């Protein structure tokens, strides 16, 4: 099944749909699975959850430009309204399903400030150790860790990821 076939099957669905891209070997996917299953039952008839095994549906993974798993794509009437990549705390998913069930289609998936500061601080520490020891690999790693703390606020990243999603859709 390709992305267009998948979306056309959802176009007439009046409910918000959460598409969970996962894989059996993915530890974060397995960690959030019980939470998502519970919420699927709790919000039955209000929010639909569709699980896509990334190993079995590579065309859908490419079609939705999924770069990492777990990735949740929120659709309303066949159109993407939000995307969440990476495992989040159970409370995040509970709030997300509650918001979707109440009619909200845009989901704020940005990092909490505590996590953001932890990633920025950890990245600075790793890069600092790399600079003092002359290890450019650690400097690079520190830069990547710092970027994970701000990527959701970066306009260049937002434009690039939006362009890539449109190009494959």
N, C-alpha and C. Protein backbone atom coordinates (compact mmCIF):
# COMPACT_ATOMS: atom_id res chain seq x y z
N UNK A 1 0.84 -1.17 0.00
CA UNK A 1 0.00 0.00 0.00
C UNK A 1 0.89 1.24 0.00
N UNK A 2 0.58 2.21 -0.86
CA UNK A 2 1.36 3.45 -0.86
C UNK A 2 0.64 4.52 -0.04
N UNK A 3 1.29 5.66 0.09
CA UNK A 3 0.74 6.73 0.93
C UNK A 3 -0.61 7.22 0.43
N UNK A 4 -0.75 7.41 -0.87
CA UNK A 4 -2.01 7.93 -1.41
C UNK A 4 -3.16 6.95 -1.17
N UNK A 5 -2.92 5.66 -1.37
CA UNK A 5 -3.96 4.65 -1.10
C UNK A 5 -4.34 4.67 0.39
N UNK A 6 -3.33 4.77 1.23
CA UNK A 6 -3.56 4.79 2.67
C UNK A 6 -4.38 6.02 3.06
N UNK A 7 -3.98 7.19 2.55
CA UNK A 7 -4.70 8.42 2.89
C UNK A 7 -6.13 8.41 2.35
N UNK A 8 -6.33 7.88 1.16
CA UNK A 8 -7.70 7.85 0.62
C UNK A 8 -8.59 6.93 1.44
N UNK A 9 -8.00 5.89 2.05
CA UNK A 9 -8.80 5.02 2.91
C UNK A 9 -9.21 5.74 4.21
N UNK A 10 -8.49 6.79 4.56
CA UNK A 10 -8.78 7.53 5.80
C UNK A 10 -9.53 8.84 5.57
N UNK A 11 -9.65 9.25 4.32
CA UNK A 11 -10.20 10.57 4.00
C UNK A 11 -11.60 10.78 4.57
N UNK A 12 -12.43 9.75 4.55
CA UNK A 12 -13.80 9.89 5.02
C UNK A 12 -13.97 9.57 6.50
N UNK A 13 -12.88 9.24 7.17
CA UNK A 13 -12.96 8.95 8.60
C UNK A 13 -13.15 10.26 9.36
N UNK A 14 -14.26 10.42 10.08
CA UNK A 14 -14.49 11.66 10.81
C UNK A 14 -13.64 11.80 12.07
N UNK A 15 -13.05 10.69 12.51
CA UNK A 15 -12.25 10.71 13.73
C UNK A 15 -10.81 11.09 13.44
N UNK A 16 -10.14 11.71 14.41
CA UNK A 16 -8.69 11.87 14.26
C UNK A 16 -8.03 10.49 14.29
N UNK A 17 -7.00 10.33 13.48
CA UNK A 17 -6.30 9.05 13.39
C UNK A 17 -4.84 9.25 13.80
N UNK A 18 -4.40 8.43 14.72
CA UNK A 18 -3.00 8.42 15.13
C UNK A 18 -2.37 7.21 14.46
N UNK A 19 -1.40 7.46 13.59
CA UNK A 19 -0.70 6.38 12.90
C UNK A 19 0.64 6.19 13.60
N UNK A 20 0.81 5.01 14.17
CA UNK A 20 2.02 4.67 14.92
C UNK A 20 2.96 3.86 14.03
N UNK A 21 4.07 4.48 13.62
CA UNK A 21 5.11 3.76 12.88
C UNK A 21 6.06 3.16 13.91
N UNK A 22 6.18 1.85 13.92
CA UNK A 22 6.95 1.14 14.92
C UNK A 22 7.65 -0.06 14.28
N UNK A 23 8.46 -0.74 15.06
CA UNK A 23 9.09 -1.98 14.62
C UNK A 23 9.27 -2.88 15.84
N UNK A 24 9.20 -4.19 15.67
CA UNK A 24 9.30 -5.10 16.82
C UNK A 24 10.66 -5.04 17.53
N UNK A 25 11.71 -4.67 16.83
CA UNK A 25 13.04 -4.63 17.42
C UNK A 25 13.32 -3.31 18.15
N UNK A 26 12.41 -2.35 18.04
CA UNK A 26 12.60 -0.99 18.58
C UNK A 26 12.19 -0.94 20.05
N UNK A 27 13.16 -0.77 20.95
CA UNK A 27 12.87 -0.74 22.39
C UNK A 27 11.94 0.41 22.77
N UNK A 28 12.16 1.65 22.29
CA UNK A 28 11.21 2.72 22.63
C UNK A 28 9.80 2.42 22.12
N UNK A 29 9.69 1.77 20.96
CA UNK A 29 8.37 1.40 20.42
C UNK A 29 7.68 0.43 21.37
N UNK A 30 8.42 -0.55 21.85
CA UNK A 30 7.85 -1.54 22.78
C UNK A 30 7.49 -0.88 24.10
N UNK A 31 8.24 0.14 24.50
CA UNK A 31 7.97 0.82 25.77
C UNK A 31 6.65 1.60 25.73
N UNK A 32 6.35 2.22 24.59
CA UNK A 32 5.12 3.03 24.53
C UNK A 32 3.91 2.22 24.07
N UNK A 33 4.13 1.03 23.56
CA UNK A 33 3.03 0.22 23.03
C UNK A 33 1.91 -0.01 24.05
N UNK A 34 2.21 -0.42 25.30
CA UNK A 34 1.12 -0.63 26.26
C UNK A 34 0.31 0.65 26.53
N UNK A 35 0.98 1.78 26.56
CA UNK A 35 0.29 3.06 26.78
C UNK A 35 -0.66 3.35 25.62
N UNK A 36 -0.15 3.19 24.40
CA UNK A 36 -0.99 3.45 23.22
C UNK A 36 -2.15 2.47 23.14
N UNK A 37 -1.92 1.20 23.48
CA UNK A 37 -2.99 0.20 23.46
C UNK A 37 -4.08 0.56 24.46
N UNK A 38 -3.67 1.00 25.65
CA UNK A 38 -4.65 1.40 26.68
C UNK A 38 -5.46 2.59 26.20
N UNK A 39 -4.78 3.58 25.60
CA UNK A 39 -5.47 4.77 25.12
C UNK A 39 -6.38 4.45 23.93
N UNK A 40 -5.98 3.49 23.12
CA UNK A 40 -6.83 3.05 21.99
C UNK A 40 -8.16 2.53 22.52
N UNK A 41 -8.11 1.74 23.58
CA UNK A 41 -9.34 1.22 24.19
C UNK A 41 -10.13 2.33 24.88
N UNK A 42 -9.43 3.17 25.62
CA UNK A 42 -10.08 4.24 26.38
C UNK A 42 -10.80 5.23 25.46
N UNK A 43 -10.23 5.53 24.30
CA UNK A 43 -10.80 6.53 23.39
C UNK A 43 -11.45 5.89 22.16
N UNK A 44 -11.85 4.62 22.30
CA UNK A 44 -12.53 3.92 21.20
C UNK A 44 -13.76 4.73 20.78
N UNK A 45 -13.87 4.97 19.47
CA UNK A 45 -15.00 5.74 18.96
C UNK A 45 -14.75 7.24 18.95
N UNK A 46 -13.61 7.67 19.51
CA UNK A 46 -13.27 9.10 19.55
C UNK A 46 -11.97 9.38 18.83
N UNK A 47 -11.02 8.44 18.92
CA UNK A 47 -9.71 8.55 18.27
C UNK A 47 -9.36 7.15 17.75
N UNK A 48 -8.92 7.07 16.50
CA UNK A 48 -8.48 5.79 15.95
C UNK A 48 -6.95 5.71 16.01
N UNK A 49 -6.46 4.53 16.36
CA UNK A 49 -5.01 4.27 16.36
C UNK A 49 -4.74 3.20 15.32
N UNK A 50 -3.85 3.50 14.39
CA UNK A 50 -3.44 2.52 13.38
C UNK A 50 -1.94 2.28 13.57
N UNK A 51 -1.58 1.02 13.64
CA UNK A 51 -0.19 0.66 13.86
C UNK A 51 0.40 0.15 12.55
N UNK A 52 1.52 0.76 12.13
CA UNK A 52 2.19 0.38 10.90
C UNK A 52 3.58 -0.16 11.26
N UNK A 53 3.78 -1.43 10.99
CA UNK A 53 5.09 -2.04 11.21
C UNK A 53 6.02 -1.53 10.11
N UNK A 54 7.02 -0.76 10.49
CA UNK A 54 7.93 -0.13 9.52
C UNK A 54 8.68 -1.15 8.69
N UNK A 55 8.94 -2.32 9.25
CA UNK A 55 9.65 -3.36 8.49
C UNK A 55 8.77 -3.97 7.41
N UNK A 56 7.46 -4.02 7.66
CA UNK A 56 6.54 -4.64 6.71
C UNK A 56 5.95 -3.66 5.71
N UNK A 57 6.02 -2.36 5.98
CA UNK A 57 5.43 -1.34 5.11
C UNK A 57 6.45 -0.24 4.76
N UNK A 58 7.57 -0.60 4.12
CA UNK A 58 8.59 0.42 3.83
C UNK A 58 8.08 1.52 2.89
N UNK A 59 7.12 1.21 2.01
CA UNK A 59 6.59 2.25 1.11
C UNK A 59 5.87 3.34 1.90
N UNK A 60 5.12 2.94 2.93
CA UNK A 60 4.45 3.94 3.77
C UNK A 60 5.46 4.75 4.58
N UNK A 61 6.49 4.08 5.07
CA UNK A 61 7.54 4.77 5.83
C UNK A 61 8.17 5.85 4.95
N UNK A 62 8.52 5.49 3.72
CA UNK A 62 9.10 6.47 2.79
C UNK A 62 8.08 7.54 2.42
N UNK A 63 6.85 7.12 2.16
CA UNK A 63 5.80 8.05 1.75
C UNK A 63 5.52 9.12 2.79
N UNK A 64 5.63 8.75 4.06
CA UNK A 64 5.41 9.71 5.14
C UNK A 64 6.72 10.34 5.62
N UNK A 65 7.82 10.06 4.95
CA UNK A 65 9.14 10.61 5.32
C UNK A 65 9.47 10.37 6.78
N UNK A 66 9.22 9.16 7.24
CA UNK A 66 9.53 8.80 8.62
C UNK A 66 11.01 8.48 8.68
N UNK A 67 11.73 9.27 9.49
CA UNK A 67 13.17 9.12 9.58
C UNK A 67 13.59 8.33 10.81
N UNK A 68 12.72 8.23 11.80
CA UNK A 68 13.04 7.51 13.02
C UNK A 68 11.76 6.96 13.63
N UNK A 69 11.93 5.89 14.38
CA UNK A 69 10.76 5.32 15.03
C UNK A 69 11.02 5.25 16.53
N UNK A 70 10.01 5.35 17.32
CA UNK A 70 8.61 5.48 16.95
C UNK A 70 8.30 6.88 16.43
N UNK A 71 7.42 6.93 15.45
CA UNK A 71 6.87 8.19 14.95
C UNK A 71 5.36 8.05 14.92
N UNK A 72 4.68 9.03 15.50
CA UNK A 72 3.23 9.08 15.44
C UNK A 72 2.85 10.22 14.50
N UNK A 73 2.04 9.91 13.50
CA UNK A 73 1.54 10.91 12.56
C UNK A 73 0.05 11.06 12.85
N UNK A 74 -0.38 12.29 13.15
CA UNK A 74 -1.78 12.55 13.45
C UNK A 74 -2.43 13.07 12.18
N UNK A 75 -3.51 12.40 11.79
CA UNK A 75 -4.24 12.76 10.57
C UNK A 75 -5.67 13.12 10.93
N UNK A 76 -6.20 14.09 10.20
CA UNK A 76 -7.61 14.44 10.33
C UNK A 76 -8.17 14.58 8.92
N UNK A 77 -9.14 13.73 8.61
CA UNK A 77 -9.74 13.67 7.27
C UNK A 77 -8.68 13.49 6.18
N UNK A 78 -7.72 12.62 6.47
CA UNK A 78 -6.69 12.27 5.51
C UNK A 78 -5.54 13.25 5.37
N UNK A 79 -5.53 14.31 6.18
CA UNK A 79 -4.45 15.29 6.12
C UNK A 79 -3.65 15.28 7.42
N UNK A 80 -2.33 15.34 7.27
CA UNK A 80 -1.46 15.35 8.45
C UNK A 80 -1.61 16.68 9.18
N UNK A 81 -1.86 16.60 10.50
CA UNK A 81 -1.98 17.81 11.31
C UNK A 81 -0.87 17.93 12.34
N UNK A 82 -0.21 16.82 12.66
CA UNK A 82 0.88 16.87 13.64
C UNK A 82 1.71 15.60 13.50
N UNK A 83 2.89 15.65 14.10
CA UNK A 83 3.82 14.53 14.06
C UNK A 83 4.62 14.54 15.35
N UNK A 84 4.80 13.35 15.91
CA UNK A 84 5.58 13.19 17.14
C UNK A 84 6.60 12.10 16.89
N UNK A 85 7.88 12.42 17.04
CA UNK A 85 8.93 11.44 16.82
C UNK A 85 9.64 11.17 18.14
N UNK A 86 9.89 9.91 18.39
CA UNK A 86 10.57 9.52 19.62
C UNK A 86 9.59 9.20 20.73
N UNK A 87 10.06 8.45 21.69
CA UNK A 87 9.22 8.07 22.83
C UNK A 87 9.08 9.25 23.77
N UNK A 88 7.88 9.43 24.26
CA UNK A 88 7.56 10.49 25.22
C UNK A 88 7.02 9.82 26.49
N UNK A 89 6.93 10.58 27.57
CA UNK A 89 6.35 10.03 28.80
C UNK A 89 4.86 9.69 28.60
N UNK A 90 4.34 8.72 29.33
CA UNK A 90 2.92 8.35 29.18
C UNK A 90 1.97 9.53 29.29
N UNK A 91 2.27 10.47 30.15
CA UNK A 91 1.40 11.65 30.33
C UNK A 91 1.22 12.42 29.02
N UNK A 92 2.27 12.50 28.23
CA UNK A 92 2.20 13.20 26.94
C UNK A 92 1.14 12.55 26.05
N UNK A 93 1.17 11.22 25.95
CA UNK A 93 0.22 10.50 25.10
C UNK A 93 -1.20 10.63 25.64
N UNK A 94 -1.34 10.59 26.97
CA UNK A 94 -2.67 10.75 27.57
C UNK A 94 -3.25 12.12 27.22
N UNK A 95 -2.44 13.15 27.34
CA UNK A 95 -2.90 14.51 27.00
C UNK A 95 -3.18 14.64 25.51
N UNK A 96 -2.37 13.99 24.69
CA UNK A 96 -2.56 14.05 23.24
C UNK A 96 -3.89 13.41 22.85
N UNK A 97 -4.18 12.21 23.35
CA UNK A 97 -5.43 11.54 23.01
C UNK A 97 -6.63 12.33 23.54
N UNK A 98 -6.51 12.89 24.75
CA UNK A 98 -7.60 13.69 25.30
C UNK A 98 -7.87 14.91 24.43
N UNK A 99 -6.81 15.57 23.98
CA UNK A 99 -6.96 16.74 23.11
C UNK A 99 -7.59 16.35 21.78
N UNK A 100 -7.14 15.25 21.20
CA UNK A 100 -7.71 14.80 19.92
C UNK A 100 -9.18 14.43 20.08
N UNK A 101 -9.52 13.78 21.17
CA UNK A 101 -10.91 13.38 21.41
C UNK A 101 -11.82 14.59 21.60
N UNK A 102 -11.26 15.69 22.08
CA UNK A 102 -12.07 16.90 22.30
C UNK A 102 -12.14 17.77 21.05
N UNK A 103 -11.56 17.33 19.95
CA UNK A 103 -11.67 18.06 18.69
C UNK A 103 -10.44 18.85 18.29
N UNK A 104 -9.44 18.88 19.14
CA UNK A 104 -8.20 19.59 18.81
C UNK A 104 -7.40 18.71 17.86
N UNK A 105 -6.95 19.28 16.73
CA UNK A 105 -6.19 18.48 15.77
C UNK A 105 -4.71 18.84 15.74
N UNK A 106 -4.35 19.99 16.23
CA UNK A 106 -2.93 20.37 16.30
C UNK A 106 -2.40 19.97 17.68
N UNK A 107 -1.28 19.29 17.69
CA UNK A 107 -0.68 18.80 18.93
C UNK A 107 0.67 19.47 19.10
N UNK A 108 0.91 19.99 20.30
CA UNK A 108 2.20 20.58 20.61
C UNK A 108 3.14 19.47 21.05
N UNK A 109 4.08 19.14 20.19
CA UNK A 109 5.01 18.05 20.52
C UNK A 109 6.39 18.57 20.90
N UNK A 110 6.47 19.85 21.23
CA UNK A 110 7.79 20.39 21.58
C UNK A 110 8.25 19.84 22.92
N UNK A 111 9.54 19.92 23.13
CA UNK A 111 10.14 19.40 24.35
C UNK A 111 9.77 20.26 25.55
N UNK A 112 9.58 19.62 26.70
CA UNK A 112 9.43 20.40 27.93
C UNK A 112 10.76 21.12 28.23
N UNK A 113 10.68 22.25 28.91
CA UNK A 113 11.89 23.05 29.15
C UNK A 113 12.96 22.29 29.92
N UNK A 114 12.56 21.44 30.85
CA UNK A 114 13.54 20.66 31.61
C UNK A 114 14.36 19.75 30.70
N UNK A 115 13.68 19.06 29.78
CA UNK A 115 14.38 18.19 28.83
C UNK A 115 15.25 19.00 27.88
N UNK A 116 14.73 20.14 27.45
CA UNK A 116 15.48 21.00 26.54
C UNK A 116 16.79 21.45 27.20
N UNK A 117 16.71 21.92 28.44
CA UNK A 117 17.90 22.38 29.15
C UNK A 117 18.87 21.24 29.43
N UNK A 118 18.32 20.07 29.75
CA UNK A 118 19.18 18.91 29.98
C UNK A 118 19.97 18.55 28.73
N UNK A 119 19.30 18.55 27.58
CA UNK A 119 19.99 18.22 26.33
C UNK A 119 21.02 19.29 25.96
N UNK A 120 20.65 20.55 26.13
CA UNK A 120 21.61 21.61 25.82
C UNK A 120 22.82 21.54 26.75
N UNK A 121 22.56 21.37 28.05
CA UNK A 121 23.66 21.27 29.01
C UNK A 121 24.53 20.06 28.78
N UNK A 122 23.90 18.92 28.52
CA UNK A 122 24.67 17.70 28.24
C UNK A 122 25.51 17.84 26.98
N UNK A 123 24.93 18.48 25.96
CA UNK A 123 25.68 18.69 24.72
C UNK A 123 26.87 19.59 24.92
N UNK A 124 26.67 20.66 25.71
CA UNK A 124 27.79 21.58 26.00
C UNK A 124 28.88 20.84 26.77
N UNK A 125 28.48 20.02 27.73
CA UNK A 125 29.46 19.26 28.52
C UNK A 125 30.25 18.30 27.64
N UNK A 126 29.54 17.55 26.78
CA UNK A 126 30.23 16.59 25.89
C UNK A 126 31.16 17.33 24.93
N UNK A 127 30.67 18.44 24.34
CA UNK A 127 31.52 19.20 23.42
C UNK A 127 32.72 19.79 24.15
N UNK A 128 32.51 20.27 25.37
CA UNK A 128 33.62 20.81 26.17
C UNK A 128 34.68 19.78 26.46
N UNK A 129 34.24 18.57 26.81
CA UNK A 129 35.20 17.48 27.05
C UNK A 129 35.95 17.17 25.76
N UNK A 130 35.20 17.18 24.64
CA UNK A 130 35.84 16.92 23.34
C UNK A 130 36.87 17.98 22.99
N UNK A 131 36.56 19.25 23.24
CA UNK A 131 37.51 20.33 22.95
C UNK A 131 38.76 20.23 23.83
N UNK A 132 38.54 19.94 25.11
CA UNK A 132 39.69 19.89 26.01
C UNK A 132 40.58 18.67 25.76
N UNK A 133 39.97 17.59 25.24
CA UNK A 133 40.77 16.39 24.98
C UNK A 133 41.23 16.29 23.53
N UNK A 134 40.76 17.22 22.70
CA UNK A 134 41.14 17.21 21.30
C UNK A 134 40.38 16.17 20.47
N UNK A 135 39.26 15.69 20.98
CA UNK A 135 38.47 14.69 20.27
C UNK A 135 37.34 15.37 19.50
N UNK A 136 37.53 15.46 18.19
CA UNK A 136 36.52 16.11 17.36
C UNK A 136 35.25 15.27 17.28
N UNK A 137 35.37 13.99 17.51
CA UNK A 137 34.19 13.13 17.53
C UNK A 137 33.28 13.51 18.70
N UNK A 138 33.87 13.78 19.87
CA UNK A 138 33.07 14.21 21.01
C UNK A 138 32.49 15.60 20.79
N UNK A 139 33.22 16.47 20.13
CA UNK A 139 32.69 17.80 19.82
C UNK A 139 31.48 17.66 18.91
N UNK A 140 31.59 16.82 17.91
CA UNK A 140 30.48 16.58 16.99
C UNK A 140 29.29 15.97 17.72
N UNK A 141 29.56 14.97 18.55
CA UNK A 141 28.49 14.34 19.33
C UNK A 141 27.81 15.37 20.24
N UNK A 142 28.59 16.22 20.88
CA UNK A 142 28.02 17.28 21.71
C UNK A 142 27.13 18.21 20.91
N UNK A 143 27.56 18.53 19.69
CA UNK A 143 26.75 19.38 18.82
C UNK A 143 25.43 18.72 18.46
N UNK A 144 25.47 17.43 18.19
CA UNK A 144 24.23 16.69 17.86
C UNK A 144 23.30 16.67 19.07
N UNK A 145 23.84 16.41 20.25
CA UNK A 145 23.01 16.40 21.47
C UNK A 145 22.40 17.78 21.70
N UNK A 146 23.19 18.84 21.51
CA UNK A 146 22.64 20.19 21.65
C UNK A 146 21.53 20.45 20.64
N UNK A 147 21.72 20.00 19.41
CA UNK A 147 20.72 20.21 18.36
C UNK A 147 19.40 19.52 18.71
N UNK A 148 19.46 18.34 19.36
CA UNK A 148 18.22 17.66 19.75
C UNK A 148 17.44 18.47 20.78
N UNK A 149 18.10 19.42 21.42
CA UNK A 149 17.41 20.28 22.38
C UNK A 149 16.74 21.49 21.74
N UNK A 150 17.07 21.78 20.48
CA UNK A 150 16.49 22.98 19.85
C UNK A 150 15.92 22.73 18.45
N UNK A 151 16.01 21.52 17.92
CA UNK A 151 15.62 21.28 16.53
C UNK A 151 14.18 21.68 16.26
N UNK A 152 13.28 21.50 17.25
CA UNK A 152 11.87 21.82 17.03
C UNK A 152 11.62 23.32 16.97
N UNK A 153 12.61 24.13 17.32
CA UNK A 153 12.50 25.58 17.26
C UNK A 153 13.30 26.18 16.10
N UNK A 154 14.02 25.33 15.38
CA UNK A 154 14.93 25.80 14.33
C UNK A 154 14.16 26.01 13.02
N UNK A 155 14.09 27.25 12.51
CA UNK A 155 13.35 27.50 11.28
C UNK A 155 13.97 26.83 10.05
N UNK A 156 15.27 26.67 10.02
CA UNK A 156 15.92 26.00 8.90
C UNK A 156 15.52 24.53 8.89
N UNK A 157 15.55 23.89 10.06
CA UNK A 157 15.15 22.48 10.16
C UNK A 157 13.67 22.32 9.81
N UNK A 158 12.82 23.22 10.27
CA UNK A 158 11.38 23.14 9.96
C UNK A 158 11.15 23.25 8.46
N UNK A 159 11.83 24.17 7.82
CA UNK A 159 11.68 24.33 6.37
C UNK A 159 12.20 23.12 5.61
N UNK A 160 13.35 22.62 6.02
CA UNK A 160 13.94 21.46 5.36
C UNK A 160 13.07 20.22 5.53
N UNK A 161 12.61 19.95 6.75
CA UNK A 161 11.80 18.76 6.97
C UNK A 161 10.45 18.88 6.27
N UNK A 162 9.88 20.08 6.21
CA UNK A 162 8.62 20.29 5.49
C UNK A 162 8.83 20.06 4.00
N UNK A 163 9.93 20.56 3.46
CA UNK A 163 10.25 20.37 2.05
C UNK A 163 10.42 18.89 1.72
N UNK A 164 11.12 18.16 2.59
CA UNK A 164 11.33 16.73 2.36
C UNK A 164 10.01 15.95 2.41
N UNK A 165 9.13 16.31 3.35
CA UNK A 165 7.82 15.63 3.43
C UNK A 165 7.00 15.89 2.18
N UNK A 166 6.98 17.12 1.69
CA UNK A 166 6.21 17.45 0.48
C UNK A 166 6.80 16.75 -0.74
N UNK A 167 8.12 16.68 -0.80
CA UNK A 167 8.79 16.08 -1.95
C UNK A 167 8.50 14.60 -2.09
N UNK A 168 8.25 13.92 -0.99
CA UNK A 168 7.99 12.48 -1.04
C UNK A 168 6.53 12.16 -1.03
N UNK A 169 5.69 13.14 -0.79
CA UNK A 169 4.26 12.88 -0.66
C UNK A 169 3.57 12.85 -1.95
